[in-house]
PDB file of N, CA and C in Angstrom:
ATOM      1  N   MET A   1       7.246 -20.566  -9.597  1.00  0.00           N
ATOM      2  CA  MET A   1       6.196 -20.478 -10.572  1.00  0.00           C
ATOM      3  C   MET A   1       5.775 -19.012 -10.697  1.00  0.00           C
ATOM      4  N   GLU A   2       5.832 -18.521 -11.910  1.00  0.00           N
ATOM      5  CA  GLU A   2       5.435 -17.140 -12.147  1.00  0.00           C
ATOM      6  C   GLU A   2       3.918 -17.040 -12.209  1.00  0.00           C
ATOM      7  N   MET A   3       3.416 -15.947 -11.667  1.00  0.00           N
ATOM      8  CA  MET A   3       1.973 -15.742 -11.684  1.00  0.00           C
ATOM      9  C   MET A   3       1.621 -14.707 -12.739  1.00  0.00           C
ATOM     10  N   ASN A   4       0.478 -14.924 -13.355  1.00  0.00           N
ATOM     11  CA  ASN A   4      -0.090 -13.901 -14.223  1.00  0.00           C
ATOM     12  C   ASN A   4      -1.592 -13.913 -14.000  1.00  0.00           C
ATOM     13  N   GLU A   5      -2.259 -12.869 -14.415  1.00  0.00           N
ATOM     14  CA  GLU A   5      -3.684 -12.726 -14.121  1.00  0.00           C
ATOM     15  C   GLU A   5      -4.509 -13.866 -14.704  1.00  0.00           C
ATOM     16  N   MET A   6      -4.114 -14.368 -15.877  1.00  0.00           N
ATOM     17  CA  MET A   6      -4.844 -15.471 -16.476  1.00  0.00           C
ATOM     18  C   MET A   6      -4.722 -16.738 -15.630  1.00  0.00           C
ATOM     19  N   LEU A   7      -3.544 -16.972 -15.056  1.00  0.00           N
ATOM     20  CA  LEU A   7      -3.298 -18.167 -14.260  1.00  0.00           C
ATOM     21  C   LEU A   7      -4.105 -18.164 -12.973  1.00  0.00           C
ATOM     22  N   VAL A   8      -4.169 -17.039 -12.302  1.00  0.00           N
ATOM     23  CA  VAL A   8      -4.823 -16.999 -11.003  1.00  0.00           C
ATOM     24  C   VAL A   8      -6.324 -16.721 -11.089  1.00  0.00           C
ATOM     25  N   GLY A   9      -6.840 -16.630 -12.285  1.00  0.00           N
ATOM     26  CA  GLY A   9      -8.279 -16.475 -12.452  1.00  0.00           C
ATOM     27  C   GLY A   9      -8.811 -15.236 -11.769  1.00  0.00           C
ATOM     28  N   ASP A  10      -9.818 -15.444 -10.930  1.00  0.00           N
ATOM     29  CA  ASP A  10     -10.467 -14.287 -10.314  1.00  0.00           C
ATOM     30  C   ASP A  10      -9.848 -13.903  -8.977  1.00  0.00           C
ATOM     31  N   ALA A  11      -8.672 -14.411  -8.647  1.00  0.00           N
ATOM     32  CA  ALA A  11      -8.032 -14.053  -7.382  1.00  0.00           C
ATOM     33  C   ALA A  11      -7.777 -12.552  -7.308  1.00  0.00           C
ATOM     34  N   VAL A  12      -7.372 -11.945  -8.394  1.00  0.00           N
ATOM     35  CA  VAL A  12      -7.107 -10.501  -8.395  1.00  0.00           C
ATOM     36  C   VAL A  12      -8.404  -9.733  -8.134  1.00  0.00           C
ATOM     37  N   THR A  13      -9.493 -10.187  -8.721  1.00  0.00           N
ATOM     38  CA  THR A  13     -10.788  -9.556  -8.477  1.00  0.00           C
ATOM     39  C   THR A  13     -11.163  -9.669  -7.010  1.00  0.00           C
ATOM     40  N   ARG A  14     -10.948 -10.846  -6.432  1.00  0.00           N
ATOM     41  CA  ARG A  14     -11.239 -11.052  -5.012  1.00  0.00           C
ATOM     42  C   ARG A  14     -10.378 -10.136  -4.139  1.00  0.00           C
ATOM     43  N   LEU A  15      -9.114  -9.994  -4.501  1.00  0.00           N
ATOM     44  CA  LEU A  15      -8.219  -9.141  -3.718  1.00  0.00           C
ATOM     45  C   LEU A  15      -8.612  -7.674  -3.822  1.00  0.00           C
ATOM     46  N   ARG A  16      -9.039  -7.249  -4.996  1.00  0.00           N
ATOM     47  CA  ARG A  16      -9.493  -5.857  -5.149  1.00  0.00           C
ATOM     48  C   ARG A  16     -10.732  -5.600  -4.294  1.00  0.00           C
ATOM     49  N   ARG A  17     -11.634  -6.586  -4.278  1.00  0.00           N
ATOM     50  CA  ARG A  17     -12.842  -6.455  -3.468  1.00  0.00           C
ATOM     51  C   ARG A  17     -12.463  -6.388  -1.984  1.00  0.00           C
ATOM     52  N   ALA A  18     -11.534  -7.239  -1.563  1.00  0.00           N
ATOM     53  CA  ALA A  18     -11.093  -7.239  -0.168  1.00  0.00           C
ATOM     54  C   ALA A  18     -10.427  -5.912   0.183  1.00  0.00           C
ATOM     55  N   HIS A  19      -9.685  -5.365  -0.769  1.00  0.00           N
ATOM     56  CA  HIS A  19      -9.027  -4.065  -0.558  1.00  0.00           C
ATOM     57  C   HIS A  19     -10.076  -2.998  -0.253  1.00  0.00           C
ATOM     58  N   GLY A  20     -11.147  -2.990  -1.022  1.00  0.00           N
ATOM     59  CA  GLY A  20     -12.228  -2.029  -0.788  1.00  0.00           C
ATOM     60  C   GLY A  20     -12.927  -2.278   0.536  1.00  0.00           C
ATOM     61  N   GLN A  21     -13.149  -3.548   0.861  1.00  0.00           N
ATOM     62  CA  GLN A  21     -13.785  -3.879   2.134  1.00  0.00           C
ATOM     63  C   GLN A  21     -12.910  -3.439   3.309  1.00  0.00           C
ATOM     64  N   LEU A  22     -11.609  -3.645   3.197  1.00  0.00           N
ATOM     65  CA  LEU A  22     -10.696  -3.265   4.273  1.00  0.00           C
ATOM     66  C   LEU A  22     -10.698  -1.748   4.473  1.00  0.00           C
ATOM     67  N   ALA A  23     -10.735  -1.020   3.372  1.00  0.00           N
ATOM     68  CA  ALA A  23     -10.822   0.441   3.480  1.00  0.00           C
ATOM     69  C   ALA A  23     -12.101   0.832   4.219  1.00  0.00           C
ATOM     70  N   GLY A  24     -13.179   0.108   3.937  1.00  0.00           N
ATOM     71  CA  GLY A  24     -14.439   0.367   4.630  1.00  0.00           C
ATOM     72  C   GLY A  24     -14.355   0.067   6.116  1.00  0.00           C
ATOM     73  N   VAL A  25     -13.665  -1.014   6.469  1.00  0.00           N
ATOM     74  CA  VAL A  25     -13.494  -1.369   7.880  1.00  0.00           C
ATOM     75  C   VAL A  25     -12.689  -0.285   8.600  1.00  0.00           C
ATOM     76  N   ILE A  26     -11.620   0.168   7.970  1.00  0.00           N
ATOM     77  CA  ILE A  26     -10.810   1.234   8.575  1.00  0.00           C
ATOM     78  C   ILE A  26     -11.668   2.478   8.799  1.00  0.00           C
ATOM     79  N   GLY A  27     -12.486   2.813   7.802  1.00  0.00           N
ATOM     80  CA  GLY A  27     -13.382   3.957   7.932  1.00  0.00           C
ATOM     81  C   GLY A  27     -14.387   3.778   9.061  1.00  0.00           C
ATOM     82  N   MET A  28     -14.890   2.552   9.199  1.00  0.00           N
ATOM     83  CA  MET A  28     -15.836   2.268  10.283  1.00  0.00           C
ATOM     84  C   MET A  28     -15.179   2.469  11.647  1.00  0.00           C
ATOM     85  N   ILE A  29     -13.954   1.992  11.783  1.00  0.00           N
ATOM     86  CA  ILE A  29     -13.242   2.142  13.056  1.00  0.00           C
ATOM     87  C   ILE A  29     -12.990   3.619  13.347  1.00  0.00           C
ATOM     88  N   GLU A  30     -12.539   4.341  12.334  1.00  0.00           N
ATOM     89  CA  GLU A  30     -12.265   5.770  12.507  1.00  0.00           C
ATOM     90  C   GLU A  30     -13.530   6.553  12.860  1.00  0.00           C
ATOM     91  N   ALA A  31     -14.678   6.083  12.359  1.00  0.00           N
ATOM     92  CA  ALA A  31     -15.946   6.758  12.639  1.00  0.00           C
ATOM     93  C   ALA A  31     -16.565   6.298  13.947  1.00  0.00           C
ATOM     94  N   GLY A  32     -15.940   5.330  14.613  1.00  0.00           N
ATOM     95  CA  GLY A  32     -16.452   4.855  15.895  1.00  0.00           C
ATOM     96  C   GLY A  32     -17.676   3.962  15.777  1.00  0.00           C
ATOM     97  N   GLU A  33     -17.758   3.219  14.682  1.00  0.00           N
ATOM     98  CA  GLU A  33     -18.897   2.316  14.480  1.00  0.00           C
ATOM     99  C   GLU A  33     -18.958   1.235  15.562  1.00  0.00           C
ATOM    100  N   ASP A  34     -20.081   0.588  15.626  1.00  0.00           N
ATOM    101  CA  ASP A  34     -20.321  -0.499  16.573  1.00  0.00           C
ATOM    102  C   ASP A  34     -19.332  -1.639  16.359  1.00  0.00           C
ATOM    103  N   CYS A  35     -18.806  -2.175  17.438  1.00  0.00           N
ATOM    104  CA  CYS A  35     -17.795  -3.231  17.399  1.00  0.00           C
ATOM    105  C   CYS A  35     -18.272  -4.456  16.615  1.00  0.00           C
ATOM    106  N   ALA A  36     -19.512  -4.877  16.832  1.00  0.00           N
ATOM    107  CA  ALA A  36     -20.034  -6.072  16.155  1.00  0.00           C
ATOM    108  C   ALA A  36     -20.078  -5.867  14.642  1.00  0.00           C
ATOM    109  N   LYS A  37     -20.465  -4.678  14.209  1.00  0.00           N
ATOM    110  CA  LYS A  37     -20.509  -4.380  12.773  1.00  0.00           C
ATOM    111  C   LYS A  37     -19.106  -4.401  12.168  1.00  0.00           C
ATOM    112  N   VAL A  38     -18.151  -3.815  12.901  1.00  0.00           N
ATOM    113  CA  VAL A  38     -16.767  -3.784  12.425  1.00  0.00           C
ATOM    114  C   VAL A  38     -16.233  -5.206  12.295  1.00  0.00           C
ATOM    115  N   LEU A  39     -16.454  -6.020  13.314  1.00  0.00           N
ATOM    116  CA  LEU A  39     -15.943  -7.389  13.289  1.00  0.00           C
ATOM    117  C   LEU A  39     -16.603  -8.231  12.205  1.00  0.00           C
ATOM    118  N   THR A  40     -17.870  -7.995  11.938  1.00  0.00           N
ATOM    119  CA  THR A  40     -18.557  -8.707  10.854  1.00  0.00           C
ATOM    120  C   THR A  40     -17.905  -8.384   9.514  1.00  0.00           C
ATOM    121  N   GLN A  41     -17.625  -7.106   9.294  1.00  0.00           N
ATOM    122  CA  GLN A  41     -16.987  -6.710   8.046  1.00  0.00           C
ATOM    123  C   GLN A  41     -15.538  -7.195   7.973  1.00  0.00           C
ATOM    124  N   LEU A  42     -14.855  -7.191   9.096  1.00  0.00           N
ATOM    125  CA  LEU A  42     -13.478  -7.685   9.130  1.00  0.00           C
ATOM    126  C   LEU A  42     -13.436  -9.182   8.818  1.00  0.00           C
ATOM    127  N   ALA A  43     -14.425  -9.925   9.301  1.00  0.00           N
ATOM    128  CA  ALA A  43     -14.513 -11.352   8.982  1.00  0.00           C
ATOM    129  C   ALA A  43     -14.719 -11.554   7.481  1.00  0.00           C
ATOM    130  N   ALA A  44     -15.501 -10.695   6.864  1.00  0.00           N
ATOM    131  CA  ALA A  44     -15.725 -10.789   5.414  1.00  0.00           C
ATOM    132  C   ALA A  44     -14.426 -10.527   4.651  1.00  0.00           C
ATOM    133  N   VAL A  45     -13.643  -9.565   5.110  1.00  0.00           N
ATOM    134  CA  VAL A  45     -12.348  -9.271   4.479  1.00  0.00           C
ATOM    135  C   VAL A  45     -11.430 -10.479   4.608  1.00  0.00           C
ATOM    136  N   SER A  46     -11.390 -11.039   5.789  1.00  0.00           N
ATOM    137  CA  SER A  46     -10.531 -12.199   6.041  1.00  0.00           C
ATOM    138  C   SER A  46     -10.905 -13.370   5.131  1.00  0.00           C
ATOM    139  N   LYS A  47     -12.197 -13.616   4.997  1.00  0.00           N
ATOM    140  CA  LYS A  47     -12.664 -14.709   4.139  1.00  0.00           C
ATOM    141  C   LYS A  47     -12.306 -14.446   2.676  1.00  0.00           C
ATOM    142  N   ALA A  48     -12.428 -13.212   2.232  1.00  0.00           N
ATOM    143  CA  ALA A  48     -12.085 -12.867   0.852  1.00  0.00           C
ATOM    144  C   ALA A  48     -10.593 -13.091   0.594  1.00  0.00           C
ATOM    145  N   LEU A  49      -9.759 -12.724   1.557  1.00  0.00           N
ATOM    146  CA  LEU A  49      -8.318 -12.949   1.414  1.00  0.00           C
ATOM    147  C   LEU A  49      -8.000 -14.443   1.371  1.00  0.00           C
ATOM    148  N   ASP A  50      -8.643 -15.200   2.251  1.00  0.00           N
ATOM    149  CA  ASP A  50      -8.424 -16.653   2.260  1.00  0.00           C
ATOM    150  C   ASP A  50      -8.809 -17.273   0.921  1.00  0.00           C
ATOM    151  N   ARG A  51      -9.953 -16.890   0.411  1.00  0.00           N
ATOM    152  CA  ARG A  51     -10.416 -17.458  -0.863  1.00  0.00           C
ATOM    153  C   ARG A  51      -9.478 -17.095  -2.009  1.00  0.00           C
ATOM    154  N   ALA A  52      -8.955 -15.894  -1.997  1.00  0.00           N
ATOM    155  CA  ALA A  52      -7.998 -15.505  -3.035  1.00  0.00           C
ATOM    156  C   ALA A  52      -6.740 -16.362  -2.932  1.00  0.00           C
ATOM    157  N   GLY A  53      -6.255 -16.579  -1.736  1.00  0.00           N
ATOM    158  CA  GLY A  53      -5.075 -17.423  -1.544  1.00  0.00           C
ATOM    159  C   GLY A  53      -5.310 -18.843  -1.993  1.00  0.00           C
ATOM    160  N   PHE A  54      -6.455 -19.404  -1.632  1.00  0.00           N
ATOM    161  CA  PHE A  54      -6.772 -20.772  -2.045  1.00  0.00           C
ATOM    162  C   PHE A  54      -6.919 -20.872  -3.563  1.00  0.00           C
ATOM    163  N   LYS A  55      -7.456 -19.832  -4.168  1.00  0.00           N
ATOM    164  CA  LYS A  55      -7.589 -19.805  -5.623  1.00  0.00           C
ATOM    165  C   LYS A  55      -6.208 -19.836  -6.283  1.00  0.00           C
ATOM    166  N   ILE A  56      -5.256 -19.103  -5.723  1.00  0.00           N
ATOM    167  CA  ILE A  56      -3.903 -19.089  -6.276  1.00  0.00           C
ATOM    168  C   ILE A  56      -3.244 -20.448  -6.122  1.00  0.00           C
ATOM    169  N   VAL A  57      -3.408 -21.077  -4.956  1.00  0.00           N
ATOM    170  CA  VAL A  57      -2.838 -22.417  -4.751  1.00  0.00           C
ATOM    171  C   VAL A  57      -3.479 -23.410  -5.714  1.00  0.00           C
ATOM    172  N   ALA A  58      -4.796 -23.336  -5.891  1.00  0.00           N
ATOM    173  CA  ALA A  58      -5.483 -24.241  -6.813  1.00  0.00           C
ATOM    174  C   ALA A  58      -4.984 -24.051  -8.241  1.00  0.00           C
ATOM    175  N   SER A  59      -4.728 -22.810  -8.624  1.00  0.00           N
ATOM    176  CA  SER A  59      -4.186 -22.547  -9.954  1.00  0.00           C
ATOM    177  C   SER A  59      -2.806 -23.162 -10.107  1.00  0.00           C
ATOM    178  N   GLY A  60      -2.008 -23.089  -9.043  1.00  0.00           N
ATOM    179  CA  GLY A  60      -0.688 -23.712  -9.059  1.00  0.00           C
ATOM    180  C   GLY A  60      -0.777 -25.214  -9.212  1.00  0.00           C
ATOM    181  N   LEU A  61      -1.736 -25.823  -8.527  1.00  0.00           N
ATOM    182  CA  LEU A  61      -1.942 -27.262  -8.658  1.00  0.00           C
ATOM    183  C   LEU A  61      -2.292 -27.640 -10.093  1.00  0.00           C
ATOM    184  N   ARG A  62      -3.200 -26.864 -10.695  1.00  0.00           N
ATOM    185  CA  ARG A  62      -3.588 -27.145 -12.085  1.00  0.00           C
ATOM    186  C   ARG A  62      -2.408 -26.972 -13.028  1.00  0.00           C
ATOM    187  N   CYS A  63      -1.613 -25.948 -12.811  1.00  0.00           N
ATOM    188  CA  CYS A  63      -0.448 -25.686 -13.651  1.00  0.00           C
ATOM    189  C   CYS A  63       0.553 -26.838 -13.553  1.00  0.00           C
ATOM    190  N   CYS A  64       0.806 -27.298 -12.340  1.00  0.00           N
ATOM    191  CA  CYS A  64       1.756 -28.397 -12.141  1.00  0.00           C
ATOM    192  C   CYS A  64       1.235 -29.700 -12.735  1.00  0.00           C
ATOM    193  N   GLN A  65      -0.056 -29.939 -12.579  1.00  0.00           N
ATOM    194  CA  GLN A  65      -0.647 -31.149 -13.134  1.00  0.00           C
ATOM    195  C   GLN A  65      -0.566 -31.134 -14.656  1.00  0.00           C
ATOM    196  N   ALA A  66      -0.849 -30.003 -15.265  1.00  0.00           N
ATOM    197  CA  ALA A  66      -0.777 -29.887 -16.720  1.00  0.00           C
ATOM    198  C   ALA A  66       0.647 -30.129 -17.211  1.00  0.00           C
ATOM    199  N   ALA A  67       1.633 -29.605 -16.483  1.00  0.00           N
ATOM    200  CA  ALA A  67       3.033 -29.816 -16.868  1.00  0.00           C
ATOM    201  C   ALA A  67       3.379 -31.305 -16.804  1.00  0.00           C
ATOM    202  N   GLN A  68       2.938 -31.973 -15.758  1.00  0.00           N
ATOM    203  CA  GLN A  68       3.210 -33.412 -15.635  1.00  0.00           C
ATOM    204  C   GLN A  68       2.554 -34.189 -16.762  1.00  0.00           C
ATOM    205  N   GLU A  69       1.329 -33.832 -17.118  1.00  0.00           N
ATOM    206  CA  GLU A  69       0.615 -34.522 -18.197  1.00  0.00           C
ATOM    207  C   GLU A  69       1.314 -34.339 -19.537  1.00  0.00           C
ATOM    208  N   ARG A  70       2.005 -33.224 -19.707  1.00  0.00           N
ATOM    209  CA  ARG A  70       2.763 -32.986 -20.939  1.00  0.00           C
ATOM    210  C   ARG A  70       4.146 -33.624 -20.886  1.00  0.00           C
ATOM    211  N   GLY A  71       4.470 -34.253 -19.752  1.00  0.00           N
ATOM    212  CA  GLY A  71       5.774 -34.888 -19.587  1.00  0.00           C
ATOM    213  C   GLY A  71       6.876 -33.907 -19.216  1.00  0.00           C
ATOM    214  N   GLU A  72       6.496 -32.737 -18.747  1.00  0.00           N
ATOM    215  CA  GLU A  72       7.451 -31.704 -18.364  1.00  0.00           C
ATOM    216  C   GLU A  72       7.651 -31.712 -16.851  1.00  0.00           C
ATOM    217  N   GLU A  73       8.724 -31.079 -16.425  1.00  0.00           N
ATOM    218  CA  GLU A  73       8.981 -30.905 -14.991  1.00  0.00           C
ATOM    219  C   GLU A  73       8.060 -29.797 -14.481  1.00  0.00           C
ATOM    220  N   PRO A  74       7.230 -30.083 -13.472  1.00  0.00           N
ATOM    221  CA  PRO A  74       6.354 -29.031 -12.951  1.00  0.00           C
ATOM    222  C   PRO A  74       7.167 -27.917 -12.291  1.00  0.00           C
ATOM    223  N   PRO A  75       6.646 -26.699 -12.302  1.00  0.00           N
ATOM    224  CA  PRO A  75       7.382 -25.573 -11.729  1.00  0.00           C
ATOM    225  C   PRO A  75       7.554 -25.654 -10.214  1.00  0.00           C
ATOM    226  N   MET A  76       6.714 -26.452  -9.554  1.00  0.00           N
ATOM    227  CA  MET A  76       6.805 -26.616  -8.105  1.00  0.00           C
ATOM    228  C   MET A  76       6.558 -28.070  -7.757  1.00  0.00           C
ATOM    229  N   SER A  77       7.176 -28.506  -6.676  1.00  0.00           N
ATOM    230  CA  SER A  77       6.955 -29.874  -6.213  1.00  0.00           C
ATOM    231  C   SER A  77       5.670 -29.935  -5.392  1.00  0.00           C
ATOM    232  N   VAL A  78       5.188 -31.144  -5.184  1.00  0.00           N
ATOM    233  CA  VAL A  78       3.997 -31.336  -4.354  1.00  0.00           C
ATOM    234  C   VAL A  78       4.270 -30.811  -2.945  1.00  0.00           C
ATOM    235  N   ALA A  79       5.456 -31.045  -2.427  1.00  0.00           N
ATOM    236  CA  ALA A  79       5.805 -30.573  -1.083  1.00  0.00           C
ATOM    237  C   ALA A  79       5.772 -29.048  -1.000  1.00  0.00           C
ATOM    238  N   GLU A  80       6.248 -28.373  -2.043  1.00  0.00           N
ATOM    239  CA  GLU A  80       6.221 -26.909  -2.054  1.00  0.00           C
ATOM    240  C   GLU A  80       4.779 -26.396  -2.084  1.00  0.00           C
ATOM    241  N   LEU A  81       3.950 -27.021  -2.906  1.00  0.00           N
ATOM    242  CA  LEU A  81       2.547 -26.619  -2.982  1.00  0.00           C
ATOM    243  C   LEU A  81       1.833 -26.879  -1.655  1.00  0.00           C
ATOM    244  N   GLU A  82       2.136 -28.000  -1.028  1.00  0.00           N
ATOM    245  CA  GLU A  82       1.529 -28.328   0.249  1.00  0.00           C
ATOM    246  C   GLU A  82       1.925 -27.282   1.307  1.00  0.00           C
ATOM    247  N   LYS A  83       3.181 -26.896   1.298  1.00  0.00           N
ATOM    248  CA  LYS A  83       3.664 -25.892   2.251  1.00  0.00           C
ATOM    249  C   LYS A  83       2.922 -24.573   2.065  1.00  0.00           C
ATOM    250  N   LEU A  84       2.714 -24.169   0.811  1.00  0.00           N
ATOM    251  CA  LEU A  84       1.987 -22.947   0.535  1.00  0.00           C
ATOM    252  C   LEU A  84       0.533 -23.042   0.988  1.00  0.00           C
ATOM    253  N   PHE A  85      -0.073 -24.196   0.708  1.00  0.00           N
ATOM    254  CA  PHE A  85      -1.472 -24.415   1.123  1.00  0.00           C
ATOM    255  C   PHE A  85      -1.597 -24.326   2.640  1.00  0.00           C
ATOM    256  N   LEU A  86      -0.678 -24.981   3.343  1.00  0.00           N
ATOM    257  CA  LEU A  86      -0.745 -24.978   4.806  1.00  0.00           C
ATOM    258  C   LEU A  86      -0.445 -23.605   5.395  1.00  0.00           C
ATOM    259  N   ALA A  87       0.289 -22.780   4.669  1.00  0.00           N
ATOM    260  CA  ALA A  87       0.551 -21.427   5.142  1.00  0.00           C
ATOM    261  C   ALA A  87      -0.741 -20.612   5.212  1.00  0.00           C
ATOM    262  N   LEU A  88      -1.729 -20.996   4.426  1.00  0.00           N
ATOM    263  CA  LEU A  88      -3.011 -20.294   4.427  1.00  0.00           C
ATOM    264  C   LEU A  88      -3.946 -20.787   5.524  1.00  0.00           C
ATOM    265  N   ALA A  89      -3.662 -21.969   6.029  1.00  0.00           N
ATOM    266  CA  ALA A  89      -4.571 -22.579   7.028  1.00  0.00           C
ATOM    267  C   ALA A  89      -4.431 -21.940   8.378  1.00  0.00           C
TER     268      ALA A  89
END
């Protein structure tokens, strides 16, 4: 299944935000910031990445469902989508 920005919705926005947060975490580590503060920000980056991944999987589910409703062969099987979803868990 090919991805495009319209299909994945705000996943790209989430990834850009996570990219900026990760740069901030790296800067915090380089500056010798407090461990608890670094880990709090790292947890936020991790959550942003997870949400972006789940958003992409959800978009894939919607795309496949729409194809089935039109009587077309979906671009991915349920098993393939499940495998991708579980890869994020």
